[in-house]
């Protein structure tokens, strides 16, 4: 791992950035937009982890599940960093032993969802994002994961994107949804159900 002795480099002042192989590309290139959005996703997961830490300090209820979920989210951030590094590297510049998303990552998410679903009532209605602070952040992360997926599909039209990556991001958005429900239930926070016959609040007297 290179040591970051100085954060600013001045090399991006012209609106370009460097890929891992040294190629300079515009900062608005689709590849940059895609792994930048992966970084955004990890940032929101970091907010969810901060909210989980607060919940653990403030309440005894749901602590074991909050700790378990934090471990899953820590692993997810590592996996997303691997994904971002992969997207920042052209296929010809990959190296032996480079950390990559594999089928095992999607399988791990499926196991996590199956285990969490055992603690949840079947979903009989659409729900809105919300509940606990951690749950709300996970809902936000889910929407960003879907944006990553859309960008990957677009990028796939021009460049090779691993099917393992596509599968992982698709599973991750599902897992973030399940985890949001799971932590809300663990913390005793009700879900906000969609009301198709909604009406505005009544006027004040």
Foldseek 3Di string as FASTA:
>chain_A
DDDPPDDDDCPCVVQWDAFPVGDIDGCPDLLNVLLVLLVVLLVLLVVLLVLLVVLCVPDPFLVVVSVVVNVVSVVVSVQSVLVSNVSSDAPVRDDPPRDHQDLVLLVVLVVLLVVLVVVDDDDPADFDQDAGPSLNSLLVSLVSLVVSLVSVVVVVVPGPDDPSVNSNSVSSSVSSNSSSRSSSVRSVTDTHGDDPPDDDDDDDD
